[in-house]
């Protein structure tokens, strides 16, 4: 890895294409899987015989697409809507930065731009509703102002447009008071790949490495 940081990629359960009463898996359960993983990560002592292979008090996160929404729901204050997604103090204090790419932040705005997403994507994952404003992370208050944020959007993304990232970038900047000045960055021009291809773009990797490395710590 170019950063020299240990990298861990968690998985989470998915909403089935065809749901039944026994397989009705919806938000916030996907994000709960991620929060459970993060809680484990901050307390794990490492593989047997190897000890700690990373610093559990210096973690940098990357959330792409749906995962950008999940991380935002956890690290912004969604407690009035999804109290189960409240992170522990240990998790909040361990995470130093969060990079978001090609994210979904305002679902109503997404559906106004891509109405076809409602039936096969949004309704199964969140429920069939007139409005999804309650799940707009671009309206949640801050839990902490100690975390640095990076919002990235590719010029070549045809699956999620720039409206989403502009919305989130503006919201995060409004959340950051003078005490949090300089805690939010964005890049909407360096990457030019399609939605799920950004990870093979060297410019995307360079952005992430440069952003995370500013703290001069390993993850």
Foldseek 3Di string as FASTA:
>chain_A
DVLPFDDDDDAFDDQDQDDDPVRQAAPPRRLLSVLVVLVCLLPDQDDPPPGDPFHSQADEEEAAAARLLSVLCLFFDLCVPCVSSDHDPSSNRRYAEYEYELYAAAVVVQCVVVVVCQPRHVCSHHNRDPGDRSSRSLPTAGPDLRHAYEYEYAPQEPNHDPVRSVSNQVSVVVNQDPVNPPRYYYYYYQHHDYRVCRVVDVSSVVVVSVVSCPVVGHD
